[in-house]
Amino acid sequence: MLLSKAWASFEADKRIEGFSPQTLKAYRLQSLLLIDYFKDIEMKLLDTNQLKEYLAISGKHL
């Protein structure tokens, strides 16, 4: 599943669960940053180490 498709599915689930529009907006921003970094690749191609690297790099901006 592409990252963008995973986001769409996740967002739909959270909307049904009643998450606030502000929370969904924040989640969307984070998903866009993740997709920008990795491109819209298949999720099965990502591993834990790649995600840790992304979090370490993105955390430097906080």
PDB file of N, CA and C in Angstrom:
ATOM      1  N   MET A   1       0.844  -1.170   0.000  1.00  0.00           N
ATOM      2  CA  MET A   1       0.000   0.000   0.000  1.00  0.00           C
ATOM      3  C   MET A   1       0.896   1.241   0.000  1.00  0.00           C
ATOM      4  N   LEU A   2       0.570   2.189  -0.855  1.00  0.00           N
ATOM      5  CA  LEU A   2       1.320   3.445  -0.895  1.00  0.00           C
ATOM      6  C   LEU A   2       1.086   4.240   0.386  1.00  0.00           C
ATOM      7  N   LEU A   3       2.065   5.049   0.753  1.00  0.00           N
ATOM      8  CA  LEU A   3       1.915   5.888   1.944  1.00  0.00           C
ATOM      9  C   LEU A   3       0.668   6.766   1.845  1.00  0.00           C
ATOM     10  N   SER A   4       0.414   7.322   0.673  1.00  0.00           N
ATOM     11  CA  SER A   4      -0.756   8.195   0.506  1.00  0.00           C
ATOM     12  C   SER A   4      -2.062   7.432   0.716  1.00  0.00           C
ATOM     13  N   LYS A   5      -2.122   6.198   0.260  1.00  0.00           N
ATOM     14  CA  LYS A   5      -3.324   5.376   0.457  1.00  0.00           C
ATOM     15  C   LYS A   5      -3.477   5.006   1.931  1.00  0.00           C
ATOM     16  N   ALA A   6      -2.364   4.714   2.585  1.00  0.00           N
ATOM     17  CA  ALA A   6      -2.402   4.396   4.011  1.00  0.00           C
ATOM     18  C   ALA A   6      -2.919   5.594   4.797  1.00  0.00           C
ATOM     19  N   TRP A   7      -2.462   6.790   4.422  1.00  0.00           N
ATOM     20  CA  TRP A   7      -2.940   7.994   5.093  1.00  0.00           C
ATOM     21  C   TRP A   7      -4.442   8.153   4.893  1.00  0.00           C
ATOM     22  N   ALA A   8      -4.923   7.985   3.678  1.00  0.00           N
ATOM     23  CA  ALA A   8      -6.353   8.151   3.395  1.00  0.00           C
ATOM     24  C   ALA A   8      -7.187   7.182   4.232  1.00  0.00           C
ATOM     25  N   SER A   9      -6.732   5.961   4.352  1.00  0.00           N
ATOM     26  CA  SER A   9      -7.435   4.962   5.153  1.00  0.00           C
ATOM     27  C   SER A   9      -7.402   5.324   6.636  1.00  0.00           C
ATOM     28  N   PHE A  10      -6.233   5.726   7.118  1.00  0.00           N
ATOM     29  CA  PHE A  10      -6.073   6.124   8.519  1.00  0.00           C
ATOM     30  C   PHE A  10      -6.962   7.323   8.837  1.00  0.00           C
ATOM     31  N   GLU A  11      -6.951   8.322   7.950  1.00  0.00           N
ATOM     32  CA  GLU A  11      -7.758   9.523   8.175  1.00  0.00           C
ATOM     33  C   GLU A  11      -9.243   9.175   8.240  1.00  0.00           C
ATOM     34  N   ALA A  12      -9.703   8.332   7.338  1.00  0.00           N
ATOM     35  CA  ALA A  12     -11.112   7.933   7.341  1.00  0.00           C
ATOM     36  C   ALA A  12     -11.479   7.244   8.654  1.00  0.00           C
ATOM     37  N   ASP A  13     -10.623   6.354   9.127  1.00  0.00           N
ATOM     38  CA  ASP A  13     -10.871   5.671  10.398  1.00  0.00           C
ATOM     39  C   ASP A  13     -10.952   6.660  11.550  1.00  0.00           C
ATOM     40  N   LYS A  14     -10.021   7.597  11.600  1.00  0.00           N
ATOM     41  CA  LYS A  14      -9.988   8.551  12.708  1.00  0.00           C
ATOM     42  C   LYS A  14     -11.161   9.526  12.640  1.00  0.00           C
ATOM     43  N   ARG A  15     -11.588   9.869  11.437  1.00  0.00           N
ATOM     44  CA  ARG A  15     -12.753  10.740  11.281  1.00  0.00           C
ATOM     45  C   ARG A  15     -13.997  10.034  11.832  1.00  0.00           C
ATOM     46  N   ILE A  16     -14.144   8.745  11.506  1.00  0.00           N
ATOM     47  CA  ILE A  16     -15.267   7.950  12.016  1.00  0.00           C
ATOM     48  C   ILE A  16     -15.209   7.853  13.536  1.00  0.00           C
ATOM     49  N   GLU A  17     -13.999   7.742  14.084  1.00  0.00           N
ATOM     50  CA  GLU A  17     -13.826   7.648  15.533  1.00  0.00           C
ATOM     51  C   GLU A  17     -14.089   8.975  16.236  1.00  0.00           C
ATOM     52  N   GLY A  18     -14.249  10.048  15.471  1.00  0.00           N
ATOM     53  CA  GLY A  18     -14.592  11.332  16.065  1.00  0.00           C
ATOM     54  C   GLY A  18     -13.421  12.226  16.409  1.00  0.00           C
ATOM     55  N   PHE A  19     -12.269  11.988  15.820  1.00  0.00           N
ATOM     56  CA  PHE A  19     -11.126  12.862  16.062  1.00  0.00           C
ATOM     57  C   PHE A  19     -11.463  14.272  15.582  1.00  0.00           C
ATOM     58  N   SER A  20     -10.946  15.258  16.264  1.00  0.00           N
ATOM     59  CA  SER A  20     -11.252  16.649  15.924  1.00  0.00           C
ATOM     60  C   SER A  20     -10.610  17.044  14.596  1.00  0.00           C
ATOM     61  N   PRO A  21     -11.212  18.020  13.915  1.00  0.00           N
ATOM     62  CA  PRO A  21     -10.616  18.513  12.671  1.00  0.00           C
ATOM     63  C   PRO A  21      -9.188  19.025  12.869  1.00  0.00           C
ATOM     64  N   GLN A  22      -8.914  19.634  14.012  1.00  0.00           N
ATOM     65  CA  GLN A  22      -7.569  20.143  14.277  1.00  0.00           C
ATOM     66  C   GLN A  22      -6.562  19.001  14.401  1.00  0.00           C
ATOM     67  N   THR A  23      -6.962  17.931  15.066  1.00  0.00           N
ATOM     68  CA  THR A  23      -6.084  16.769  15.201  1.00  0.00           C
ATOM     69  C   THR A  23      -5.818  16.147  13.837  1.00  0.00           C
ATOM     70  N   LEU A  24      -6.863  16.001  13.035  1.00  0.00           N
ATOM     71  CA  LEU A  24      -6.702  15.432  11.698  1.00  0.00           C
ATOM     72  C   LEU A  24      -5.821  16.315  10.826  1.00  0.00           C
ATOM     73  N   LYS A  25      -5.944  17.616  10.992  1.00  0.00           N
ATOM     74  CA  LYS A  25      -5.095  18.542  10.233  1.00  0.00           C
ATOM     75  C   LYS A  25      -3.626  18.354  10.619  1.00  0.00           C
ATOM     76  N   ALA A  26      -3.363  18.211  11.916  1.00  0.00           N
ATOM     77  CA  ALA A  26      -1.987  18.000  12.386  1.00  0.00           C
ATOM     78  C   ALA A  26      -1.446  16.664  11.878  1.00  0.00           C
ATOM     79  N   TYR A  27      -2.270  15.630  11.927  1.00  0.00           N
ATOM     80  CA  TYR A  27      -1.857  14.327  11.409  1.00  0.00           C
ATOM     81  C   TYR A  27      -1.574  14.412   9.914  1.00  0.00           C
ATOM     82  N   ARG A  28      -2.409  15.154   9.185  1.00  0.00           N
ATOM     83  CA  ARG A  28      -2.212  15.292   7.731  1.00  0.00           C
ATOM     84  C   ARG A  28      -0.873  15.965   7.440  1.00  0.00           C
ATOM     85  N   LEU A  29      -0.560  17.008   8.195  1.00  0.00           N
ATOM     86  CA  LEU A  29       0.721  17.681   8.005  1.00  0.00           C
ATOM     87  C   LEU A  29       1.871  16.697   8.203  1.00  0.00           C
ATOM     88  N   GLN A  30       1.800  15.912   9.258  1.00  0.00           N
ATOM     89  CA  GLN A  30       2.859  14.935   9.516  1.00  0.00           C
ATOM     90  C   GLN A  30       2.938  13.890   8.408  1.00  0.00           C
ATOM     91  N   SER A  31       1.791  13.476   7.896  1.00  0.00           N
ATOM     92  CA  SER A  31       1.811  12.493   6.803  1.00  0.00           C
ATOM     93  C   SER A  31       2.426  13.088   5.545  1.00  0.00           C
ATOM     94  N   LEU A  32       2.137  14.355   5.269  1.00  0.00           N
ATOM     95  CA  LEU A  32       2.720  15.012   4.096  1.00  0.00           C
ATOM     96  C   LEU A  32       4.233  15.141   4.225  1.00  0.00           C
ATOM     97  N   LEU A  33       4.707  15.446   5.420  1.00  0.00           N
ATOM     98  CA  LEU A  33       6.149  15.530   5.648  1.00  0.00           C
ATOM     99  C   LEU A  33       6.812  14.164   5.456  1.00  0.00           C
ATOM    100  N   LEU A  34       6.159  13.130   5.950  1.00  0.00           N
ATOM    101  CA  LEU A  34       6.686  11.772   5.790  1.00  0.00           C
ATOM    102  C   LEU A  34       6.730  11.379   4.312  1.00  0.00           C
ATOM    103  N   ILE A  35       5.662  11.668   3.592  1.00  0.00           N
ATOM    104  CA  ILE A  35       5.613  11.347   2.164  1.00  0.00           C
ATOM    105  C   ILE A  35       6.623  12.181   1.389  1.00  0.00           C
ATOM    106  N   ASP A  36       6.816  13.417   1.780  1.00  0.00           N
ATOM    107  CA  ASP A  36       7.810  14.259   1.116  1.00  0.00           C
ATOM    108  C   ASP A  36       9.215  13.677   1.297  1.00  0.00           C
ATOM    109  N   TYR A  37       9.488  13.155   2.466  1.00  0.00           N
ATOM    110  CA  TYR A  37      10.808  12.601   2.762  1.00  0.00           C
ATOM    111  C   TYR A  37      11.046  11.285   2.010  1.00  0.00           C
ATOM    112  N   PHE A  38      10.091  10.368   2.091  1.00  0.00           N
ATOM    113  CA  PHE A  38      10.267   9.041   1.494  1.00  0.00           C
ATOM    114  C   PHE A  38       9.699   8.936   0.081  1.00  0.00           C
ATOM    115  N   LYS A  39       8.983   9.928  -0.349  1.00  0.00           N
ATOM    116  CA  LYS A  39       8.188   9.890  -1.581  1.00  0.00           C
ATOM    117  C   LYS A  39       7.009   8.943  -1.331  1.00  0.00           C
ATOM    118  N   ASP A  40       6.138   8.818  -2.283  1.00  0.00           N
ATOM    119  CA  ASP A  40       4.928   8.010  -2.087  1.00  0.00           C
ATOM    120  C   ASP A  40       5.229   6.552  -2.421  1.00  0.00           C
ATOM    121  N   ILE A  41       6.013   5.929  -1.536  1.00  0.00           N
ATOM    122  CA  ILE A  41       6.454   4.555  -1.791  1.00  0.00           C
ATOM    123  C   ILE A  41       5.523   3.553  -1.117  1.00  0.00           C
ATOM    124  N   GLU A  42       5.707   2.315  -1.469  1.00  0.00           N
ATOM    125  CA  GLU A  42       4.973   1.227  -0.824  1.00  0.00           C
ATOM    126  C   GLU A  42       5.440   1.101   0.626  1.00  0.00           C
ATOM    127  N   MET A  43       4.483   0.976   1.529  1.00  0.00           N
ATOM    128  CA  MET A  43       4.823   0.876   2.949  1.00  0.00           C
ATOM    129  C   MET A  43       5.720  -0.322   3.239  1.00  0.00           C
ATOM    130  N   LYS A  44       5.539  -1.405   2.512  1.00  0.00           N
ATOM    131  CA  LYS A  44       6.331  -2.615   2.773  1.00  0.00           C
ATOM    132  C   LYS A  44       7.815  -2.408   2.490  1.00  0.00           C
ATOM    133  N   LEU A  45       8.153  -1.326   1.791  1.00  0.00           N
ATOM    134  CA  LEU A  45       9.558  -1.037   1.508  1.00  0.00           C
ATOM    135  C   LEU A  45      10.241  -0.275   2.645  1.00  0.00           C
ATOM    136  N   LEU A  46       9.460   0.207   3.612  1.00  0.00           N
ATOM    137  CA  LEU A  46      10.024   0.934   4.756  1.00  0.00           C
ATOM    138  C   LEU A  46      10.353  -0.040   5.876  1.00  0.00           C
ATOM    139  N   ASP A  47      11.465   0.222   6.545  1.00  0.00           N
ATOM    140  CA  ASP A  47      11.784  -0.584   7.714  1.00  0.00           C
ATOM    141  C   ASP A  47      11.966   0.327   8.926  1.00  0.00           C
ATOM    142  N   THR A  48      12.112  -0.293  10.062  1.00  0.00           N
ATOM    143  CA  THR A  48      12.212   0.445  11.319  1.00  0.00           C
ATOM    144  C   THR A  48      13.389   1.409  11.321  1.00  0.00           C
ATOM    145  N   ASN A  49      14.513   0.993  10.793  1.00  0.00           N
ATOM    146  CA  ASN A  49      15.692   1.862  10.787  1.00  0.00           C
ATOM    147  C   ASN A  49      15.469   3.110   9.941  1.00  0.00           C
ATOM    148  N   GLN A  50      14.795   2.976   8.817  1.00  0.00           N
ATOM    149  CA  GLN A  50      14.499   4.146   7.987  1.00  0.00           C
ATOM    150  C   GLN A  50      13.585   5.117   8.731  1.00  0.00           C
ATOM    151  N   LEU A  51      12.594   4.584   9.423  1.00  0.00           N
ATOM    152  CA  LEU A  51      11.686   5.446  10.179  1.00  0.00           C
ATOM    153  C   LEU A  51      12.410   6.127  11.338  1.00  0.00           C
ATOM    154  N   LYS A  52      13.309   5.410  12.000  1.00  0.00           N
ATOM    155  CA  LYS A  52      14.099   6.014  13.079  1.00  0.00           C
ATOM    156  C   LYS A  52      14.965   7.146  12.539  1.00  0.00           C
ATOM    157  N   GLU A  53      15.566   6.932  11.378  1.00  0.00           N
ATOM    158  CA  GLU A  53      16.385   7.969  10.751  1.00  0.00           C
ATOM    159  C   GLU A  53      15.537   9.203  10.436  1.00  0.00           C
ATOM    160  N   TYR A  54      14.358   8.976   9.884  1.00  0.00           N
ATOM    161  CA  TYR A  54      13.450  10.081   9.574  1.00  0.00           C
ATOM    162  C   TYR A  54      13.094  10.858  10.843  1.00  0.00           C
ATOM    163  N   LEU A  55      12.746  10.149  11.897  1.00  0.00           N
ATOM    164  CA  LEU A  55      12.371  10.813  13.147  1.00  0.00           C
ATOM    165  C   LEU A  55      13.539  11.591  13.742  1.00  0.00           C
ATOM    166  N   ALA A  56      14.740  11.041  13.653  1.00  0.00           N
ATOM    167  CA  ALA A  56      15.921  11.742  14.166  1.00  0.00           C
ATOM    168  C   ALA A  56      16.169  13.025  13.389  1.00  0.00           C
ATOM    169  N   ILE A  57      16.049  12.958  12.079  1.00  0.00           N
ATOM    170  CA  ILE A  57      16.277  14.139  11.241  1.00  0.00           C
ATOM    171  C   ILE A  57      15.172  15.168  11.439  1.00  0.00           C
ATOM    172  N   SER A  58      13.928  14.716  11.432  1.00  0.00           N
ATOM    173  CA  SER A  58      12.819  15.668  11.565  1.00  0.00           C
ATOM    174  C   SER A  58      12.764  16.268  12.966  1.00  0.00           C
ATOM    175  N   GLY A  59      13.242  15.532  13.968  1.00  0.00           N
ATOM    176  CA  GLY A  59      13.243  16.032  15.337  1.00  0.00           C
ATOM    177  C   GLY A  59      14.246  17.142  15.580  1.00  0.00           C
ATOM    178  N   LYS A  60      15.237  17.274  14.720  1.00  0.00           N
ATOM    179  CA  LYS A  60      16.236  18.333  14.873  1.00  0.00           C
ATOM    180  C   LYS A  60      15.635  19.713  14.673  1.00  0.00           C
ATOM    181  N   HIS A  61      14.493  19.776  13.999  1.00  0.00           N
ATOM    182  CA  HIS A  61      13.863  21.061  13.699  1.00  0.00           C
ATOM    183  C   HIS A  61      12.948  21.545  14.818  1.00  0.00           C
ATOM    184  N   LEU A  62      12.792  20.741  15.856  1.00  0.00           N
ATOM    185  CA  LEU A  62      11.894  21.128  16.954  1.00  0.00           C
ATOM    186  C   LEU A  62      12.568  22.058  17.925  1.00  0.00           C
TER     187      LEU A  62
END
